[in-house]
Amino acid sequence: MYNRLKPIGKYAHPTNPPPTYKKFYSLGFKTFKIAGIHLFPIANVQTKNVISFTQSLTPFTVKGRAQIHKNLHKNIKQEIALLMESKIPTRSVEYMDNRISRYSMKNGKCEITGLFLQAHDLHCHHFIPIQLGGSDKFHNLRILHKDVHKLIHMTDIIKMNLLMKKLGITEPVLQKINKYREACELEQIK
């Protein structure tokens, strides 16, 4: 590589490399600069060892699925079973599956308050509402407490204040709620 690039590029330490170069590569290695672009030096490729990772933990094998199921907390297993039995006729299969996946990923906790949710207290919120172009895809769904979900969509200020007092909403939680309201194109709560 050195012999082939020598006639067309400059071999030196990078003096003013782009941010990506600075982030992933040290400036200790010489590299070629061709047409104003620094080539990433092969000798300086840095890798990280993955720690505490098992390849057997995968949803694609029977053994892997059994291991994932074994690692779930007992109370989450019960709530997932209840969610699997529930039926919402107006919702798609994708929504129902992604709701369970999201609940499992968040260990059964509300994504705003951080409190553990039982199946009867759980609402699944579309971060970008369906009417504004949102979908039932996993990345657009959020697991919320039913009262927090109501608070996100409320427009009556008196009812909002009563519900906020009932829930004991703090300033950091209110900021999160306002982000959700903004995505729904609703006024922020002050």
C-alpha atoms as a PDB file:
ATOM      1  CA  MET A   1       0.000   0.000   0.000  1.00  0.00           C
ATOM      2  CA  TYR A   2       2.859   2.377   0.853  1.00  0.00           C
ATOM      3  CA  ASN A   3       4.549   1.833  -2.519  1.00  0.00           C
ATOM      4  CA  ARG A   4       1.346   2.250  -4.535  1.00  0.00           C
ATOM      5  CA  LEU A   5       0.126   5.402  -2.772  1.00  0.00           C
ATOM      6  CA  LYS A   6       3.515   7.164  -2.480  1.00  0.00           C
ATOM      7  CA  PRO A   7       3.388   8.766  -5.971  1.00  0.00           C
ATOM      8  CA  ILE A   8      -0.163  10.158  -5.542  1.00  0.00           C
ATOM      9  CA  GLY A   9      -0.336  11.139  -1.864  1.00  0.00           C
ATOM     10  CA  LYS A  10       1.567  12.699   0.975  1.00  0.00           C
ATOM     11  CA  TYR A  11       2.675  10.329   3.770  1.00  0.00           C
ATOM     12  CA  ALA A  12       2.797  12.220   7.063  1.00  0.00           C
ATOM     13  CA  HIS A  13       1.220  12.704  10.479  1.00  0.00           C
ATOM     14  CA  PRO A  14      -2.231  14.349  10.072  1.00  0.00           C
ATOM     15  CA  THR A  15      -2.026  18.011  11.094  1.00  0.00           C
ATOM     16  CA  ASN A  16      -5.706  18.962  10.951  1.00  0.00           C
ATOM     17  CA  PRO A  17      -7.756  15.731  10.622  1.00  0.00           C
ATOM     18  CA  PRO A  18     -11.566  15.626  10.590  1.00  0.00           C
ATOM     19  CA  PRO A  19     -13.423  14.966  13.887  1.00  0.00           C
ATOM     20  CA  THR A  20     -14.161  11.328  12.995  1.00  0.00           C
ATOM     21  CA  TYR A  21     -10.461  10.685  12.485  1.00  0.00           C
ATOM     22  CA  LYS A  22      -9.642  12.271  15.851  1.00  0.00           C
ATOM     23  CA  LYS A  23     -12.347  10.231  17.570  1.00  0.00           C
ATOM     24  CA  PHE A  24     -11.336   6.788  16.311  1.00  0.00           C
ATOM     25  CA  TYR A  25      -7.621   7.084  15.530  1.00  0.00           C
ATOM     26  CA  SER A  26      -4.632   8.455  17.393  1.00  0.00           C
ATOM     27  CA  LEU A  27      -2.446  11.038  15.698  1.00  0.00           C
ATOM     28  CA  GLY A  28       0.684   8.961  16.363  1.00  0.00           C
ATOM     29  CA  PHE A  29       0.550   7.021  13.090  1.00  0.00           C
ATOM     30  CA  LYS A  30       1.505   8.385   9.712  1.00  0.00           C
ATOM     31  CA  THR A  31      -1.059   8.063   6.973  1.00  0.00           C
ATOM     32  CA  PHE A  32      -1.593   9.146   3.409  1.00  0.00           C
ATOM     33  CA  LYS A  33      -3.381  12.335   2.483  1.00  0.00           C
ATOM     34  CA  ILE A  34      -4.878  11.977  -0.986  1.00  0.00           C
ATOM     35  CA  ALA A  35      -6.954  14.758  -2.584  1.00  0.00           C
ATOM     36  CA  GLY A  36      -7.198  16.519   0.797  1.00  0.00           C
ATOM     37  CA  ILE A  37      -8.571  13.440   2.601  1.00  0.00           C
ATOM     38  CA  HIS A  38      -6.667  11.481   5.259  1.00  0.00           C
ATOM     39  CA  LEU A  39      -6.895   7.718   4.832  1.00  0.00           C
ATOM     40  CA  PHE A  40      -7.586   5.828   8.023  1.00  0.00           C
ATOM     41  CA  PRO A  41      -4.423   3.921   8.953  1.00  0.00           C
ATOM     42  CA  ILE A  42      -4.995   0.176   9.035  1.00  0.00           C
ATOM     43  CA  ALA A  43      -2.255  -0.265  11.641  1.00  0.00           C
ATOM     44  CA  ASN A  44      -4.164   1.981  14.046  1.00  0.00           C
ATOM     45  CA  VAL A  45      -7.540   0.198  14.006  1.00  0.00           C
ATOM     46  CA  GLN A  46      -8.685  -0.038  17.598  1.00  0.00           C
ATOM     47  CA  THR A  47     -11.104  -2.631  18.887  1.00  0.00           C
ATOM     48  CA  LYS A  48     -12.787  -3.167  22.220  1.00  0.00           C
ATOM     49  CA  ASN A  49     -13.257  -6.494  23.932  1.00  0.00           C
ATOM     50  CA  VAL A  50     -16.876  -7.237  24.677  1.00  0.00           C
ATOM     51  CA  ILE A  51     -17.145  -8.078  28.350  1.00  0.00           C
ATOM     52  CA  SER A  52     -19.988 -10.019  29.995  1.00  0.00           C
ATOM     53  CA  PHE A  53     -21.506 -11.091  26.707  1.00  0.00           C
ATOM     54  CA  THR A  54     -22.581 -14.610  25.905  1.00  0.00           C
ATOM     55  CA  GLN A  55     -23.239 -15.691  22.351  1.00  0.00           C
ATOM     56  CA  SER A  56     -25.754 -18.277  23.515  1.00  0.00           C
ATOM     57  CA  LEU A  57     -28.106 -15.482  24.675  1.00  0.00           C
ATOM     58  CA  THR A  58     -30.052 -15.015  21.437  1.00  0.00           C
ATOM     59  CA  PRO A  59     -33.722 -14.988  20.444  1.00  0.00           C
ATOM     60  CA  PHE A  60     -32.921 -17.117  17.376  1.00  0.00           C
ATOM     61  CA  THR A  61     -32.321 -20.444  19.139  1.00  0.00           C
ATOM     62  CA  VAL A  62     -34.428 -22.503  21.529  1.00  0.00           C
ATOM     63  CA  LYS A  63     -31.630 -22.498  24.123  1.00  0.00           C
ATOM     64  CA  GLY A  64     -31.157 -18.727  23.769  1.00  0.00           C
ATOM     65  CA  ARG A  65     -34.870 -17.976  24.175  1.00  0.00           C
ATOM     66  CA  ALA A  66     -34.986 -20.205  27.266  1.00  0.00           C
ATOM     67  CA  GLN A  67     -32.044 -18.287  28.735  1.00  0.00           C
ATOM     68  CA  ILE A  68     -33.694 -14.913  28.038  1.00  0.00           C
ATOM     69  CA  HIS A  69     -36.942 -16.130  29.599  1.00  0.00           C
ATOM     70  CA  LYS A  70     -35.041 -17.438  32.638  1.00  0.00           C
ATOM     71  CA  ASN A  71     -33.373 -14.034  33.155  1.00  0.00           C
ATOM     72  CA  LEU A  72     -36.686 -12.142  33.291  1.00  0.00           C
ATOM     73  CA  HIS A  73     -37.897 -11.233  36.750  1.00  0.00           C
ATOM     74  CA  LYS A  74     -40.787 -13.298  38.058  1.00  0.00           C
ATOM     75  CA  ASN A  75     -43.184 -10.346  38.340  1.00  0.00           C
ATOM     76  CA  ILE A  76     -42.396  -9.253  34.757  1.00  0.00           C
ATOM     77  CA  LYS A  77     -43.138 -12.775  33.497  1.00  0.00           C
ATOM     78  CA  GLN A  78     -46.589 -12.650  35.105  1.00  0.00           C
ATOM     79  CA  GLU A  79     -47.355  -9.228  33.639  1.00  0.00           C
ATOM     80  CA  ILE A  80     -46.155 -10.286  30.176  1.00  0.00           C
ATOM     81  CA  ALA A  81     -48.467 -13.297  30.370  1.00  0.00           C
ATOM     82  CA  LEU A  82     -51.370 -10.935  31.155  1.00  0.00           C
ATOM     83  CA  LEU A  83     -50.392  -8.641  28.276  1.00  0.00           C
ATOM     84  CA  MET A  84     -50.253 -11.605  25.904  1.00  0.00           C
ATOM     85  CA  GLU A  85     -53.782 -12.615  26.897  1.00  0.00           C
ATOM     86  CA  SER A  86     -55.186  -9.113  26.482  1.00  0.00           C
ATOM     87  CA  LYS A  87     -56.984  -8.230  23.289  1.00  0.00           C
ATOM     88  CA  ILE A  88     -57.470  -4.782  21.797  1.00  0.00           C
ATOM     89  CA  PRO A  89     -59.538  -5.279  18.641  1.00  0.00           C
ATOM     90  CA  THR A  90     -58.705  -1.845  17.209  1.00  0.00           C
ATOM     91  CA  ARG A  91     -54.927  -2.433  17.330  1.00  0.00           C
ATOM     92  CA  SER A  92     -52.667  -4.243  14.870  1.00  0.00           C
ATOM     93  CA  VAL A  93     -50.710  -7.422  15.594  1.00  0.00           C
ATOM     94  CA  GLU A  94     -47.516  -5.376  15.190  1.00  0.00           C
ATOM     95  CA  TYR A  95     -48.688  -2.983  17.935  1.00  0.00           C
ATOM     96  CA  MET A  96     -49.570  -5.822  20.312  1.00  0.00           C
ATOM     97  CA  ASP A  97     -46.222  -7.588  19.779  1.00  0.00           C
ATOM     98  CA  ASN A  98     -44.150  -4.421  20.027  1.00  0.00           C
ATOM     99  CA  ARG A  99     -45.994  -3.384  23.189  1.00  0.00           C
ATOM    100  CA  ILE A 100     -44.915  -6.606  24.899  1.00  0.00           C
ATOM    101  CA  SER A 101     -41.357  -6.288  23.578  1.00  0.00           C
ATOM    102  CA  ARG A 102     -41.090  -2.706  24.777  1.00  0.00           C
ATOM    103  CA  TYR A 103     -42.468  -3.641  28.226  1.00  0.00           C
ATOM    104  CA  SER A 104     -39.918  -6.430  28.517  1.00  0.00           C
ATOM    105  CA  MET A 105     -37.066  -4.188  27.365  1.00  0.00           C
ATOM    106  CA  LYS A 106     -37.935  -1.532  29.967  1.00  0.00           C
ATOM    107  CA  ASN A 107     -38.202  -4.181  32.723  1.00  0.00           C
ATOM    108  CA  GLY A 108     -41.821  -3.222  33.270  1.00  0.00           C
ATOM    109  CA  LYS A 109     -41.066   0.379  34.214  1.00  0.00           C
ATOM    110  CA  CYS A 110     -42.795   3.550  33.055  1.00  0.00           C
ATOM    111  CA  GLU A 111     -40.503   5.402  30.657  1.00  0.00           C
ATOM    112  CA  ILE A 112     -41.301   8.736  32.305  1.00  0.00           C
ATOM    113  CA  THR A 113     -41.675   8.051  36.026  1.00  0.00           C
ATOM    114  CA  GLY A 114     -39.532   4.910  36.284  1.00  0.00           C
ATOM    115  CA  LEU A 115     -42.167   3.154  38.427  1.00  0.00           C
ATOM    116  CA  PHE A 116     -42.918  -0.553  37.923  1.00  0.00           C
ATOM    117  CA  LEU A 117     -46.184  -1.050  36.028  1.00  0.00           C
ATOM    118  CA  GLN A 118     -48.634  -3.872  36.339  1.00  0.00           C
ATOM    119  CA  ALA A 119     -50.532  -4.875  33.204  1.00  0.00           C
ATOM    120  CA  HIS A 120     -53.730  -3.065  34.293  1.00  0.00           C
ATOM    121  CA  ASP A 121     -51.816   0.232  34.863  1.00  0.00           C
ATOM    122  CA  LEU A 122     -49.943   0.095  31.557  1.00  0.00           C
ATOM    123  CA  HIS A 123     -50.689   2.173  28.494  1.00  0.00           C
ATOM    124  CA  CYS A 124     -48.678   2.068  25.309  1.00  0.00           C
ATOM    125  CA  HIS A 125     -48.190   5.548  23.849  1.00  0.00           C
ATOM    126  CA  HIS A 126     -47.300   6.412  20.264  1.00  0.00           C
ATOM    127  CA  PHE A 127     -44.463   8.944  20.618  1.00  0.00           C
ATOM    128  CA  ILE A 128     -45.425  10.374  17.234  1.00  0.00           C
ATOM    129  CA  PRO A 129     -49.210   9.937  17.045  1.00  0.00           C
ATOM    130  CA  ILE A 130     -50.746   7.913  14.225  1.00  0.00           C
ATOM    131  CA  GLN A 131     -52.637  10.994  12.953  1.00  0.00           C
ATOM    132  CA  LEU A 132     -49.305  12.866  12.661  1.00  0.00           C
ATOM    133  CA  GLY A 133     -47.621  10.121  10.650  1.00  0.00           C
ATOM    134  CA  GLY A 134     -46.530   7.793  13.464  1.00  0.00           C
ATOM    135  CA  SER A 135     -46.629   4.020  13.241  1.00  0.00           C
ATOM    136  CA  ASP A 136     -46.978   0.901  15.398  1.00  0.00           C
ATOM    137  CA  LYS A 137     -43.260   0.184  15.041  1.00  0.00           C
ATOM    138  CA  PHE A 138     -41.198  -0.628  18.141  1.00  0.00           C
ATOM    139  CA  HIS A 139     -39.178   2.611  18.092  1.00  0.00           C
ATOM    140  CA  ASN A 140     -42.356   4.736  18.122  1.00  0.00           C
ATOM    141  CA  LEU A 141     -44.002   3.075  21.140  1.00  0.00           C
ATOM    142  CA  ARG A 142     -43.472   4.048  24.784  1.00  0.00           C
ATOM    143  CA  ILE A 143     -44.590   2.220  27.931  1.00  0.00           C
ATOM    144  CA  LEU A 144     -46.313   4.628  30.325  1.00  0.00           C
ATOM    145  CA  HIS A 145     -48.477   4.635  33.432  1.00  0.00           C
ATOM    146  CA  LYS A 146     -52.102   5.151  32.365  1.00  0.00           C
ATOM    147  CA  ASP A 147     -52.438   8.426  34.327  1.00  0.00           C
ATOM    148  CA  VAL A 148     -49.209   9.815  32.850  1.00  0.00           C
ATOM    149  CA  HIS A 149     -50.545   8.883  29.412  1.00  0.00           C
ATOM    150  CA  LYS A 150     -53.763  10.787  30.136  1.00  0.00           C
ATOM    151  CA  LEU A 151     -51.702  13.781  31.272  1.00  0.00           C
ATOM    152  CA  ILE A 152     -49.793  13.814  27.972  1.00  0.00           C
ATOM    153  CA  HIS A 153     -53.006  14.095  25.955  1.00  0.00           C
ATOM    154  CA  MET A 154     -55.064  16.345  28.291  1.00  0.00           C
ATOM    155  CA  THR A 155     -55.982  19.890  27.297  1.00  0.00           C
ATOM    156  CA  ASP A 156     -58.065  20.935  30.335  1.00  0.00           C
ATOM    157  CA  ILE A 157     -55.692  22.864  32.638  1.00  0.00           C
ATOM    158  CA  ILE A 158     -57.766  22.275  35.795  1.00  0.00           C
ATOM    159  CA  LYS A 159     -57.844  18.493  35.268  1.00  0.00           C
ATOM    160  CA  MET A 160     -54.119  18.519  34.434  1.00  0.00           C
ATOM    161  CA  ASN A 161     -53.263  20.297  37.690  1.00  0.00           C
ATOM    162  CA  LEU A 162     -55.387  17.863  39.736  1.00  0.00           C
ATOM    163  CA  LEU A 163     -53.773  14.855  38.061  1.00  0.00           C
ATOM    164  CA  MET A 164     -50.273  16.304  38.525  1.00  0.00           C
ATOM    165  CA  LYS A 165     -50.935  16.769  42.261  1.00  0.00           C
ATOM    166  CA  LYS A 166     -52.300  13.220  42.507  1.00  0.00           C
ATOM    167  CA  LEU A 167     -49.211  11.790  40.782  1.00  0.00           C
ATOM    168  CA  GLY A 168     -46.729  14.044  42.597  1.00  0.00           C
ATOM    169  CA  ILE A 169     -45.065  15.189  39.368  1.00  0.00           C
ATOM    170  CA  THR A 170     -41.585  16.683  39.863  1.00  0.00           C
ATOM    171  CA  GLU A 171     -39.808  19.134  37.550  1.00  0.00           C
ATOM    172  CA  PRO A 172     -37.645  16.495  35.757  1.00  0.00           C
ATOM    173  CA  VAL A 173     -40.726  14.332  35.132  1.00  0.00           C
ATOM    174  CA  LEU A 174     -42.638  17.394  33.884  1.00  0.00           C
ATOM    175  CA  GLN A 175     -39.851  18.109  31.390  1.00  0.00           C
ATOM    176  CA  LYS A 176     -40.158  14.559  30.027  1.00  0.00           C
ATOM    177  CA  ILE A 177     -43.945  14.898  29.783  1.00  0.00           C
ATOM    178  CA  ASN A 178     -43.533  18.182  27.892  1.00  0.00           C
ATOM    179  CA  LYS A 179     -41.243  16.458  25.352  1.00  0.00           C
ATOM    180  CA  TYR A 180     -43.990  13.928  24.716  1.00  0.00           C
ATOM    181  CA  ARG A 181     -46.615  16.691  24.464  1.00  0.00           C
ATOM    182  CA  GLU A 182     -44.420  18.560  21.990  1.00  0.00           C
ATOM    183  CA  ALA A 183     -44.250  15.446  19.769  1.00  0.00           C
ATOM    184  CA  CYS A 184     -48.079  15.358  19.923  1.00  0.00           C
ATOM    185  CA  GLU A 185     -48.187  19.051  18.949  1.00  0.00           C
ATOM    186  CA  LEU A 186     -49.794  20.042  22.265  1.00  0.00           C
ATOM    187  CA  GLU A 187     -48.962  23.006  24.516  1.00  0.00           C
ATOM    188  CA  GLN A 188     -46.370  22.486  27.207  1.00  0.00           C
ATOM    189  CA  ILE A 189     -47.491  22.294  30.834  1.00  0.00           C
ATOM    190  CA  LYS A 190     -46.128  25.128  32.971  1.00  0.00           C
END
